[in-house]
């Protein structure tokens, strides 16, 4: 088996020499910790968001596009929304909306309830976008995504996902386009993959993981692709949002709270605007410059 290179924050593609089956393993470590740095998610939300971020990396790697792909899970349960964005360069970010009180020992369906899953692809430099929406059918996020592939891509696909406080990871198997899933190799590779544990997915080095599962098969492992967490939020973007809210409402918030505090939904970074900052949001650039000059002379 070829060397895989970097083990952490990377996606590894592999294929079976004897079967028309390809696969991927993704491991998020520092990128997963960066996503959680400014967030305070309860454990069930943290696990599900980590699974979604791993799944989005796997999906983005299988789809042909140049831009950004967004995975959105919207349900009627205590976790009402999961949104994860992954670019074609495997740069990811994600967020979740949830109720303050979550049920103990709850499964996927208990947490999200009935709802839909949407995958949206926005191509760089193009105004049109592709969106596929399917009902959530399955008892896990991986099962729901397998249903999406069955409906929209007509490609037999299986996915295993796991996340804990330290890492998020996933593995995908897929029949090669144009091949028959009834081939004995598909059942063989899936049956062995079913024996993987969440701990192995999150922490076992990729070469060891594949050797543990497929030591009797000839597996070709390709060079790793790096995965990174990066949020596009900025103070200027938050300022634009406040301007759209309007001066009167911003003034009311300042009067009540002493300042305006806004947290980015994706990374949790906090942006604060005091009374002077808030007023300057609604001053034209030329006027702001004159005002600053007058203050200096005074």
C-alpha atoms as a PDB file:
ATOM      1  CA  UNK A   1       0.000   0.000   0.000  1.00  0.00           C
ATOM      2  CA  UNK A   2       1.331   3.441  -0.950  1.00  0.00           C
ATOM      3  CA  UNK A   3       2.156   5.935   1.756  1.00  0.00           C
ATOM      4  CA  UNK A   4      -0.721   8.331   2.545  1.00  0.00           C
ATOM      5  CA  UNK A   5       1.308  11.287   3.752  1.00  0.00           C
ATOM      6  CA  UNK A   6      -0.200  13.564   6.362  1.00  0.00           C
ATOM      7  CA  UNK A   7      -2.635  11.790   8.678  1.00  0.00           C
ATOM      8  CA  UNK A   8      -4.496  14.706  10.214  1.00  0.00           C
ATOM      9  CA  UNK A   9      -6.817  17.265   8.640  1.00  0.00           C
ATOM     10  CA  UNK A  10      -6.733  15.440   5.357  1.00  0.00           C
ATOM     11  CA  UNK A  11      -8.804  13.431   2.919  1.00  0.00           C
ATOM     12  CA  UNK A  12      -7.447  10.179   1.477  1.00  0.00           C
ATOM     13  CA  UNK A  13      -8.801   8.524  -1.658  1.00  0.00           C
ATOM     14  CA  UNK A  14      -8.361   4.812  -2.272  1.00  0.00           C
ATOM     15  CA  UNK A  15      -9.606   2.139  -4.643  1.00  0.00           C
ATOM     16  CA  UNK A  16      -9.676  -1.628  -4.870  1.00  0.00           C
ATOM     17  CA  UNK A  17      -7.588  -3.136  -7.630  1.00  0.00           C
ATOM     18  CA  UNK A  18      -9.852  -6.188  -7.974  1.00  0.00           C
ATOM     19  CA  UNK A  19     -13.276  -4.512  -7.635  1.00  0.00           C
ATOM     20  CA  UNK A  20     -15.030  -1.524  -9.272  1.00  0.00           C
ATOM     21  CA  UNK A  21     -15.221   0.246  -5.898  1.00  0.00           C
ATOM     22  CA  UNK A  22     -13.608   3.470  -4.739  1.00  0.00           C
ATOM     23  CA  UNK A  23     -13.403   4.994  -1.287  1.00  0.00           C
ATOM     24  CA  UNK A  24     -12.415   7.984   0.794  1.00  0.00           C
ATOM     25  CA  UNK A  25     -11.416   8.552   4.401  1.00  0.00           C
ATOM     26  CA  UNK A  26     -11.408  12.041   5.922  1.00  0.00           C
ATOM     27  CA  UNK A  27      -9.907  13.013   9.285  1.00  0.00           C
ATOM     28  CA  UNK A  28     -10.493  16.423  10.893  1.00  0.00           C
ATOM     29  CA  UNK A  29      -8.376  17.287  13.927  1.00  0.00           C
ATOM     30  CA  UNK A  30      -7.072  20.868  14.204  1.00  0.00           C
ATOM     31  CA  UNK A  31      -9.776  21.996  11.771  1.00  0.00           C
ATOM     32  CA  UNK A  32     -12.433  20.438  14.015  1.00  0.00           C
ATOM     33  CA  UNK A  33     -10.940  22.099  17.097  1.00  0.00           C
ATOM     34  CA  UNK A  34     -10.885  25.456  15.263  1.00  0.00           C
ATOM     35  CA  UNK A  35     -14.582  25.046  14.410  1.00  0.00           C
ATOM     36  CA  UNK A  36     -15.365  24.545  18.111  1.00  0.00           C
ATOM     37  CA  UNK A  37     -13.001  27.197  19.503  1.00  0.00           C
ATOM     38  CA  UNK A  38     -15.596  29.942  20.026  1.00  0.00           C
ATOM     39  CA  UNK A  39     -18.665  27.700  20.255  1.00  0.00           C
ATOM     40  CA  UNK A  40     -20.342  26.018  23.207  1.00  0.00           C
ATOM     41  CA  UNK A  41     -22.278  23.144  21.683  1.00  0.00           C
ATOM     42  CA  UNK A  42     -23.823  20.422  23.867  1.00  0.00           C
ATOM     43  CA  UNK A  43     -22.371  16.977  23.175  1.00  0.00           C
ATOM     44  CA  UNK A  44     -25.218  15.683  20.926  1.00  0.00           C
ATOM     45  CA  UNK A  45     -24.981  18.824  18.765  1.00  0.00           C
ATOM     46  CA  UNK A  46     -21.195  18.633  18.697  1.00  0.00           C
ATOM     47  CA  UNK A  47     -21.252  15.018  17.540  1.00  0.00           C
ATOM     48  CA  UNK A  48     -23.814  15.625  14.815  1.00  0.00           C
ATOM     49  CA  UNK A  49     -22.094  18.772  13.550  1.00  0.00           C
ATOM     50  CA  UNK A  50     -18.758  16.925  13.437  1.00  0.00           C
ATOM     51  CA  UNK A  51     -20.359  14.130  11.433  1.00  0.00           C
ATOM     52  CA  UNK A  52     -21.851  16.698   9.055  1.00  0.00           C
ATOM     53  CA  UNK A  53     -18.492  18.407   8.543  1.00  0.00           C
ATOM     54  CA  UNK A  54     -16.801  15.088   7.804  1.00  0.00           C
ATOM     55  CA  UNK A  55     -19.633  14.129   5.458  1.00  0.00           C
ATOM     56  CA  UNK A  56     -19.432  17.447   3.617  1.00  0.00           C
ATOM     57  CA  UNK A  57     -15.733  16.918   2.984  1.00  0.00           C
ATOM     58  CA  UNK A  58     -16.448  13.473   1.559  1.00  0.00           C
ATOM     59  CA  UNK A  59     -19.291  14.798  -0.602  1.00  0.00           C
ATOM     60  CA  UNK A  60     -17.311  17.736  -1.936  1.00  0.00           C
ATOM     61  CA  UNK A  61     -14.537  15.372  -2.963  1.00  0.00           C
ATOM     62  CA  UNK A  62     -16.881  13.084  -4.919  1.00  0.00           C
ATOM     63  CA  UNK A  63     -18.746  15.850  -6.787  1.00  0.00           C
ATOM     64  CA  UNK A  64     -17.242  17.740  -9.710  1.00  0.00           C
ATOM     65  CA  UNK A  65     -17.506  21.492  -9.139  1.00  0.00           C
ATOM     66  CA  UNK A  66     -15.417  24.608  -8.648  1.00  0.00           C
ATOM     67  CA  UNK A  67     -16.904  26.715  -5.891  1.00  0.00           C
ATOM     68  CA  UNK A  68     -18.801  25.902  -2.692  1.00  0.00           C
ATOM     69  CA  UNK A  69     -21.123  23.109  -1.630  1.00  0.00           C
ATOM     70  CA  UNK A  70     -23.556  23.558   1.253  1.00  0.00           C
ATOM     71  CA  UNK A  71     -25.132  20.695   3.172  1.00  0.00           C
ATOM     72  CA  UNK A  72     -28.254  21.727   5.081  1.00  0.00           C
ATOM     73  CA  UNK A  73     -30.269  19.528   7.419  1.00  0.00           C
ATOM     74  CA  UNK A  74     -33.533  21.130   8.527  1.00  0.00           C
ATOM     75  CA  UNK A  75     -35.849  19.303  10.883  1.00  0.00           C
ATOM     76  CA  UNK A  76     -38.594  19.723  13.438  1.00  0.00           C
ATOM     77  CA  UNK A  77     -36.655  18.228  16.344  1.00  0.00           C
ATOM     78  CA  UNK A  78     -34.545  19.826  19.108  1.00  0.00           C
ATOM     79  CA  UNK A  79     -31.723  20.322  16.565  1.00  0.00           C
ATOM     80  CA  UNK A  80     -33.628  22.345  13.990  1.00  0.00           C
ATOM     81  CA  UNK A  81     -30.814  23.242  11.608  1.00  0.00           C
ATOM     82  CA  UNK A  82     -27.345  22.081  10.575  1.00  0.00           C
ATOM     83  CA  UNK A  83     -25.481  24.009   7.890  1.00  0.00           C
ATOM     84  CA  UNK A  84     -22.021  23.035   6.672  1.00  0.00           C
ATOM     85  CA  UNK A  85     -20.209  24.609   3.743  1.00  0.00           C
ATOM     86  CA  UNK A  86     -17.235  22.999   2.010  1.00  0.00           C
ATOM     87  CA  UNK A  87     -15.401  24.451  -0.954  1.00  0.00           C
ATOM     88  CA  UNK A  88     -13.912  22.506  -3.841  1.00  0.00           C
ATOM     89  CA  UNK A  89     -10.553  23.200  -2.124  1.00  0.00           C
ATOM     90  CA  UNK A  90     -11.831  21.380   1.008  1.00  0.00           C
ATOM     91  CA  UNK A  91     -12.141  24.471   3.191  1.00  0.00           C
ATOM     92  CA  UNK A  92     -15.001  23.902   5.632  1.00  0.00           C
ATOM     93  CA  UNK A  93     -17.153  25.744   8.161  1.00  0.00           C
ATOM     94  CA  UNK A  94     -20.401  24.820   9.891  1.00  0.00           C
ATOM     95  CA  UNK A  95     -23.077  25.872  12.371  1.00  0.00           C
ATOM     96  CA  UNK A  96     -26.053  24.427  14.230  1.00  0.00           C
ATOM     97  CA  UNK A  97     -29.273  25.765  15.738  1.00  0.00           C
ATOM     98  CA  UNK A  98     -30.786  23.871  18.655  1.00  0.00           C
ATOM     99  CA  UNK A  99     -32.992  24.090  21.713  1.00  0.00           C
ATOM    100  CA  UNK A 100     -31.409  24.740  25.091  1.00  0.00           C
ATOM    101  CA  UNK A 101     -32.661  21.450  26.544  1.00  0.00           C
ATOM    102  CA  UNK A 102     -31.895  18.292  24.593  1.00  0.00           C
ATOM    103  CA  UNK A 103     -33.146  14.786  25.362  1.00  0.00           C
ATOM    104  CA  UNK A 104     -30.706  12.374  27.027  1.00  0.00           C
ATOM    105  CA  UNK A 105     -29.401   9.374  25.070  1.00  0.00           C
ATOM    106  CA  UNK A 106     -31.205  10.568  21.962  1.00  0.00           C
ATOM    107  CA  UNK A 107     -30.653   9.119  18.511  1.00  0.00           C
ATOM    108  CA  UNK A 108     -30.458  10.972  15.219  1.00  0.00           C
ATOM    109  CA  UNK A 109     -34.207  10.927  14.575  1.00  0.00           C
ATOM    110  CA  UNK A 110     -34.945  12.063  18.138  1.00  0.00           C
ATOM    111  CA  UNK A 111     -32.650  15.057  17.635  1.00  0.00           C
ATOM    112  CA  UNK A 112     -33.700  16.223  14.167  1.00  0.00           C
ATOM    113  CA  UNK A 113     -37.216  14.806  13.809  1.00  0.00           C
ATOM    114  CA  UNK A 114     -38.911  14.899  10.420  1.00  0.00           C
ATOM    115  CA  UNK A 115     -37.403  17.204   7.850  1.00  0.00           C
ATOM    116  CA  UNK A 116     -35.417  17.620   4.683  1.00  0.00           C
ATOM    117  CA  UNK A 117     -31.825  17.525   3.535  1.00  0.00           C
ATOM    118  CA  UNK A 118     -30.564  19.914   0.874  1.00  0.00           C
ATOM    119  CA  UNK A 119     -27.282  19.977  -1.009  1.00  0.00           C
ATOM    120  CA  UNK A 120     -26.551  23.203  -2.858  1.00  0.00           C
ATOM    121  CA  UNK A 121     -23.644  23.725  -5.244  1.00  0.00           C
ATOM    122  CA  UNK A 122     -22.585  27.225  -6.253  1.00  0.00           C
ATOM    123  CA  UNK A 123     -20.068  27.329  -9.096  1.00  0.00           C
ATOM    124  CA  UNK A 124     -17.379  30.001  -9.068  1.00  0.00           C
ATOM    125  CA  UNK A 125     -18.214  32.779 -11.537  1.00  0.00           C
ATOM    126  CA  UNK A 126     -21.719  31.496 -12.334  1.00  0.00           C
ATOM    127  CA  UNK A 127     -25.010  32.953 -11.175  1.00  0.00           C
ATOM    128  CA  UNK A 128     -27.026  29.738 -11.418  1.00  0.00           C
ATOM    129  CA  UNK A 129     -26.747  27.079  -8.763  1.00  0.00           C
ATOM    130  CA  UNK A 130     -27.705  23.432  -8.385  1.00  0.00           C
ATOM    131  CA  UNK A 131     -29.825  22.290  -5.458  1.00  0.00           C
ATOM    132  CA  UNK A 132     -31.064  18.827  -4.573  1.00  0.00           C
ATOM    133  CA  UNK A 133     -33.620  18.424  -1.779  1.00  0.00           C
ATOM    134  CA  UNK A 134     -34.680  15.053  -0.376  1.00  0.00           C
ATOM    135  CA  UNK A 135     -36.700  13.995   2.672  1.00  0.00           C
ATOM    136  CA  UNK A 136     -34.621  12.665   5.540  1.00  0.00           C
ATOM    137  CA  UNK A 137     -35.075   8.913   5.483  1.00  0.00           C
ATOM    138  CA  UNK A 138     -32.809   6.929   7.744  1.00  0.00           C
ATOM    139  CA  UNK A 139     -31.737   6.568  11.347  1.00  0.00           C
ATOM    140  CA  UNK A 140     -28.407   8.362  10.917  1.00  0.00           C
ATOM    141  CA  UNK A 141     -26.926  11.240   8.967  1.00  0.00           C
ATOM    142  CA  UNK A 142     -24.914   8.761   6.907  1.00  0.00           C
ATOM    143  CA  UNK A 143     -28.053   6.791   5.996  1.00  0.00           C
ATOM    144  CA  UNK A 144     -29.811   9.984   4.883  1.00  0.00           C
ATOM    145  CA  UNK A 145     -26.876  10.883   2.655  1.00  0.00           C
ATOM    146  CA  UNK A 146     -26.853   7.395   1.187  1.00  0.00           C
ATOM    147  CA  UNK A 147     -30.502   7.974   0.280  1.00  0.00           C
ATOM    148  CA  UNK A 148     -29.550  11.252  -1.387  1.00  0.00           C
ATOM    149  CA  UNK A 149     -27.011   9.484  -3.605  1.00  0.00           C
ATOM    150  CA  UNK A 150     -29.520   6.766  -4.465  1.00  0.00           C
ATOM    151  CA  UNK A 151     -32.067   9.375  -5.546  1.00  0.00           C
ATOM    152  CA  UNK A 152     -29.975  12.029  -7.238  1.00  0.00           C
ATOM    153  CA  UNK A 153     -26.749  10.371  -8.365  1.00  0.00           C
ATOM    154  CA  UNK A 154     -27.950   6.781  -8.883  1.00  0.00           C
ATOM    155  CA  UNK A 155     -24.638   5.623  -7.419  1.00  0.00           C
ATOM    156  CA  UNK A 156     -24.616   2.929  -4.705  1.00  0.00           C
ATOM    157  CA  UNK A 157     -22.894   4.677  -1.801  1.00  0.00           C
ATOM    158  CA  UNK A 158     -22.254   3.818   1.838  1.00  0.00           C
ATOM    159  CA  UNK A 159     -20.973   6.202   4.485  1.00  0.00           C
ATOM    160  CA  UNK A 160     -19.683   5.834   8.050  1.00  0.00           C
ATOM    161  CA  UNK A 161     -19.339   8.943  10.234  1.00  0.00           C
ATOM    162  CA  UNK A 162     -18.041   9.629  13.742  1.00  0.00           C
ATOM    163  CA  UNK A 163     -17.078  12.592  15.913  1.00  0.00           C
ATOM    164  CA  UNK A 164     -15.868  13.152  19.457  1.00  0.00           C
ATOM    165  CA  UNK A 165     -14.285  16.076  21.303  1.00  0.00           C
ATOM    166  CA  UNK A 166     -10.942  15.618  19.572  1.00  0.00           C
ATOM    167  CA  UNK A 167     -11.694  14.609  15.992  1.00  0.00           C
ATOM    168  CA  UNK A 168     -14.349  14.156  13.336  1.00  0.00           C
ATOM    169  CA  UNK A 169     -13.980  11.533  10.663  1.00  0.00           C
ATOM    170  CA  UNK A 170     -15.779   9.644   7.948  1.00  0.00           C
ATOM    171  CA  UNK A 171     -15.383   6.897   5.389  1.00  0.00           C
ATOM    172  CA  UNK A 172     -17.202   6.518   2.078  1.00  0.00           C
ATOM    173  CA  UNK A 173     -17.462   3.601  -0.327  1.00  0.00           C
ATOM    174  CA  UNK A 174     -18.967   4.014  -3.778  1.00  0.00           C
ATOM    175  CA  UNK A 175     -19.448   1.858  -6.845  1.00  0.00           C
ATOM    176  CA  UNK A 176     -17.531   3.265  -9.801  1.00  0.00           C
ATOM    177  CA  UNK A 177     -19.784   5.043 -12.337  1.00  0.00           C
ATOM    178  CA  UNK A 178     -21.115   2.673 -14.978  1.00  0.00           C
ATOM    179  CA  UNK A 179     -20.434  -0.435 -12.901  1.00  0.00           C
ATOM    180  CA  UNK A 180     -22.897  -2.911 -11.400  1.00  0.00           C
ATOM    181  CA  UNK A 181     -23.509  -2.916  -7.643  1.00  0.00           C
ATOM    182  CA  UNK A 182     -24.364  -6.621  -7.834  1.00  0.00           C
ATOM    183  CA  UNK A 183     -20.675  -7.281  -8.354  1.00  0.00           C
ATOM    184  CA  UNK A 184     -19.477  -9.453  -5.478  1.00  0.00           C
ATOM    185  CA  UNK A 185     -16.817  -6.909  -4.638  1.00  0.00           C
ATOM    186  CA  UNK A 186     -19.377  -4.333  -3.484  1.00  0.00           C
ATOM    187  CA  UNK A 187     -20.937  -6.622  -0.915  1.00  0.00           C
ATOM    188  CA  UNK A 188     -17.495  -7.768   0.236  1.00  0.00           C
ATOM    189  CA  UNK A 189     -16.099  -4.258   0.772  1.00  0.00           C
ATOM    190  CA  UNK A 190     -19.253  -3.014   2.528  1.00  0.00           C
ATOM    191  CA  UNK A 191     -19.472  -6.043   4.819  1.00  0.00           C
ATOM    192  CA  UNK A 192     -15.926  -5.485   6.038  1.00  0.00           C
ATOM    193  CA  UNK A 193     -16.465  -1.726   6.431  1.00  0.00           C
ATOM    194  CA  UNK A 194     -19.449  -2.415   8.684  1.00  0.00           C
ATOM    195  CA  UNK A 195     -17.009  -3.710  11.306  1.00  0.00           C
ATOM    196  CA  UNK A 196     -15.323  -0.317  11.768  1.00  0.00           C
ATOM    197  CA  UNK A 197     -15.796   1.369  15.149  1.00  0.00           C
ATOM    198  CA  UNK A 198     -16.217   5.086  15.801  1.00  0.00           C
ATOM    199  CA  UNK A 199     -12.966   5.120  17.754  1.00  0.00           C
ATOM    200  CA  UNK A 200     -11.089   3.565  14.837  1.00  0.00           C
ATOM    201  CA  UNK A 201     -12.563   6.085  12.421  1.00  0.00           C
ATOM    202  CA  UNK A 202     -11.549   9.046  14.572  1.00  0.00           C
ATOM    203  CA  UNK A 203      -8.118   7.949  15.761  1.00  0.00           C
ATOM    204  CA  UNK A 204      -6.597   5.052  13.833  1.00  0.00           C
ATOM    205  CA  UNK A 205      -4.066   6.171  11.173  1.00  0.00           C
ATOM    206  CA  UNK A 206      -5.499   5.729   7.703  1.00  0.00           C
ATOM    207  CA  UNK A 207      -3.042   3.052   6.571  1.00  0.00           C
ATOM    208  CA  UNK A 208      -3.755   1.062   9.728  1.00  0.00           C
ATOM    209  CA  UNK A 209      -7.496   1.543   9.331  1.00  0.00           C
ATOM    210  CA  UNK A 210      -7.508   0.228   5.769  1.00  0.00           C
ATOM    211  CA  UNK A 211      -5.154  -2.603   6.669  1.00  0.00           C
ATOM    212  CA  UNK A 212      -7.416  -3.594   9.570  1.00  0.00           C
ATOM    213  CA  UNK A 213     -10.433  -3.704   7.250  1.00  0.00           C
ATOM    214  CA  UNK A 214      -8.914  -4.919   3.999  1.00  0.00           C
ATOM    215  CA  UNK A 215      -5.626  -6.681   4.734  1.00  0.00           C
ATOM    216  CA  UNK A 216      -6.541  -9.489   2.334  1.00  0.00           C
ATOM    217  CA  UNK A 217      -7.349  -7.097  -0.534  1.00  0.00           C
ATOM    218  CA  UNK A 218      -5.132  -5.080  -2.860  1.00  0.00           C
ATOM    219  CA  UNK A 219      -5.911  -1.446  -2.014  1.00  0.00           C
ATOM    220  CA  UNK A 220      -4.318   1.545  -3.729  1.00  0.00           C
ATOM    221  CA  UNK A 221      -4.074   4.578  -1.428  1.00  0.00           C
ATOM    222  CA  UNK A 222      -3.487   7.968  -3.034  1.00  0.00           C
ATOM    223  CA  UNK A 223      -1.781  11.109  -1.733  1.00  0.00           C
ATOM    224  CA  UNK A 224      -3.722  13.015   0.902  1.00  0.00           C
ATOM    225  CA  UNK A 225      -5.560  16.277   0.236  1.00  0.00           C
ATOM    226  CA  UNK A 226      -5.448  18.840   3.091  1.00  0.00           C
ATOM    227  CA  UNK A 227      -8.690  19.948   4.740  1.00  0.00           C
ATOM    228  CA  UNK A 228      -8.912  23.253   6.636  1.00  0.00           C
ATOM    229  CA  UNK A 229     -11.413  25.228   8.670  1.00  0.00           C
ATOM    230  CA  UNK A 230     -11.774  28.845   7.664  1.00  0.00           C
ATOM    231  CA  UNK A 231     -14.571  31.332   8.296  1.00  0.00           C
ATOM    232  CA  UNK A 232     -15.195  34.289   5.979  1.00  0.00           C
ATOM    233  CA  UNK A 233     -16.682  36.528   8.644  1.00  0.00           C
ATOM    234  CA  UNK A 234     -15.173  39.982   9.311  1.00  0.00           C
ATOM    235  CA  UNK A 235     -15.991  43.151  11.197  1.00  0.00           C
ATOM    236  CA  UNK A 236     -16.870  44.868   7.917  1.00  0.00           C
ATOM    237  CA  UNK A 237     -19.384  42.145   7.016  1.00  0.00           C
ATOM    238  CA  UNK A 238     -21.003  42.364  10.446  1.00  0.00           C
ATOM    239  CA  UNK A 239     -21.153  46.155  10.053  1.00  0.00           C
ATOM    240  CA  UNK A 240     -23.032  45.706   6.772  1.00  0.00           C
ATOM    241  CA  UNK A 241     -25.545  43.464   8.536  1.00  0.00           C
ATOM    242  CA  UNK A 242     -26.114  46.112  11.223  1.00  0.00           C
ATOM    243  CA  UNK A 243     -26.627  48.792   8.569  1.00  0.00           C
ATOM    244  CA  UNK A 244     -29.344  46.644   7.008  1.00  0.00           C
ATOM    245  CA  UNK A 245     -31.025  46.347  10.405  1.00  0.00           C
ATOM    246  CA  UNK A 246     -31.291  50.133  10.526  1.00  0.00           C
ATOM    247  CA  UNK A 247     -30.051  52.982  12.673  1.00  0.00           C
ATOM    248  CA  UNK A 248     -33.057  53.200  14.991  1.00  0.00           C
ATOM    249  CA  UNK A 249     -32.986  49.528  15.917  1.00  0.00           C
ATOM    250  CA  UNK A 250     -29.220  49.621  16.463  1.00  0.00           C
ATOM    251  CA  UNK A 251     -29.629  52.684  18.703  1.00  0.00           C
ATOM    252  CA  UNK A 252     -32.309  50.849  20.708  1.00  0.00           C
ATOM    253  CA  UNK A 253     -29.953  47.911  21.271  1.00  0.00           C
ATOM    254  CA  UNK A 254     -27.158  50.242  22.423  1.00  0.00           C
ATOM    255  CA  UNK A 255     -29.544  52.066  24.760  1.00  0.00           C
ATOM    256  CA  UNK A 256     -30.657  48.782  26.293  1.00  0.00           C
ATOM    257  CA  UNK A 257     -27.369  46.872  26.409  1.00  0.00           C
ATOM    258  CA  UNK A 258     -24.686  49.565  26.197  1.00  0.00           C
ATOM    259  CA  UNK A 259     -23.293  48.094  22.980  1.00  0.00           C
ATOM    260  CA  UNK A 260     -24.141  45.780  20.092  1.00  0.00           C
ATOM    261  CA  UNK A 261     -22.615  42.304  20.322  1.00  0.00           C
ATOM    262  CA  UNK A 262     -22.851  39.980  17.331  1.00  0.00           C
ATOM    263  CA  UNK A 263     -21.459  36.440  17.163  1.00  0.00           C
ATOM    264  CA  UNK A 264     -20.697  34.774  13.853  1.00  0.00           C
ATOM    265  CA  UNK A 265     -22.955  31.741  13.485  1.00  0.00           C
ATOM    266  CA  UNK A 266     -20.233  29.687  11.825  1.00  0.00           C
ATOM    267  CA  UNK A 267     -17.175  30.275  14.001  1.00  0.00           C
ATOM    268  CA  UNK A 268     -18.664  31.929  17.105  1.00  0.00           C
ATOM    269  CA  UNK A 269     -16.279  34.876  16.970  1.00  0.00           C
ATOM    270  CA  UNK A 270     -17.714  37.872  18.829  1.00  0.00           C
ATOM    271  CA  UNK A 271     -17.853  41.367  17.316  1.00  0.00           C
ATOM    272  CA  UNK A 272     -18.682  44.319  19.562  1.00  0.00           C
ATOM    273  CA  UNK A 273     -19.753  47.845  18.619  1.00  0.00           C
ATOM    274  CA  UNK A 274     -19.994  50.482  21.354  1.00  0.00           C
ATOM    275  CA  UNK A 275     -22.136  53.615  21.096  1.00  0.00           C
ATOM    276  CA  UNK A 276     -19.546  55.536  19.033  1.00  0.00           C
ATOM    277  CA  UNK A 277     -18.933  52.553  16.725  1.00  0.00           C
ATOM    278  CA  UNK A 278     -22.665  52.134  16.227  1.00  0.00           C
ATOM    279  CA  UNK A 279     -23.191  55.779  15.252  1.00  0.00           C
ATOM    280  CA  UNK A 280     -20.232  55.706  12.866  1.00  0.00           C
ATOM    281  CA  UNK A 281     -21.877  52.855  10.984  1.00  0.00           C
ATOM    282  CA  UNK A 282     -24.439  55.310   9.613  1.00  0.00           C
ATOM    283  CA  UNK A 283     -22.093  58.200   8.812  1.00  0.00           C
ATOM    284  CA  UNK A 284     -21.036  58.633   5.203  1.00  0.00           C
ATOM    285  CA  UNK A 285     -17.282  58.010   4.668  1.00  0.00           C
ATOM    286  CA  UNK A 286     -16.538  61.687   3.842  1.00  0.00           C
ATOM    287  CA  UNK A 287     -18.463  62.879   6.870  1.00  0.00           C
ATOM    288  CA  UNK A 288     -16.690  60.328   9.064  1.00  0.00           C
ATOM    289  CA  UNK A 289     -13.343  61.606   7.851  1.00  0.00           C
ATOM    290  CA  UNK A 290     -14.306  65.219   8.588  1.00  0.00           C
ATOM    291  CA  UNK A 291     -15.533  64.192  12.012  1.00  0.00           C
ATOM    292  CA  UNK A 292     -12.305  62.393  12.807  1.00  0.00           C
ATOM    293  CA  UNK A 293     -10.281  65.380  11.581  1.00  0.00           C
ATOM    294  CA  UNK A 294     -12.308  67.762  13.750  1.00  0.00           C
ATOM    295  CA  UNK A 295     -11.750  65.578  16.785  1.00  0.00           C
ATOM    296  CA  UNK A 296      -7.984  65.589  16.155  1.00  0.00           C
ATOM    297  CA  UNK A 297      -7.796  69.387  15.918  1.00  0.00           C
ATOM    298  CA  UNK A 298      -9.866  69.805  19.043  1.00  0.00           C
END
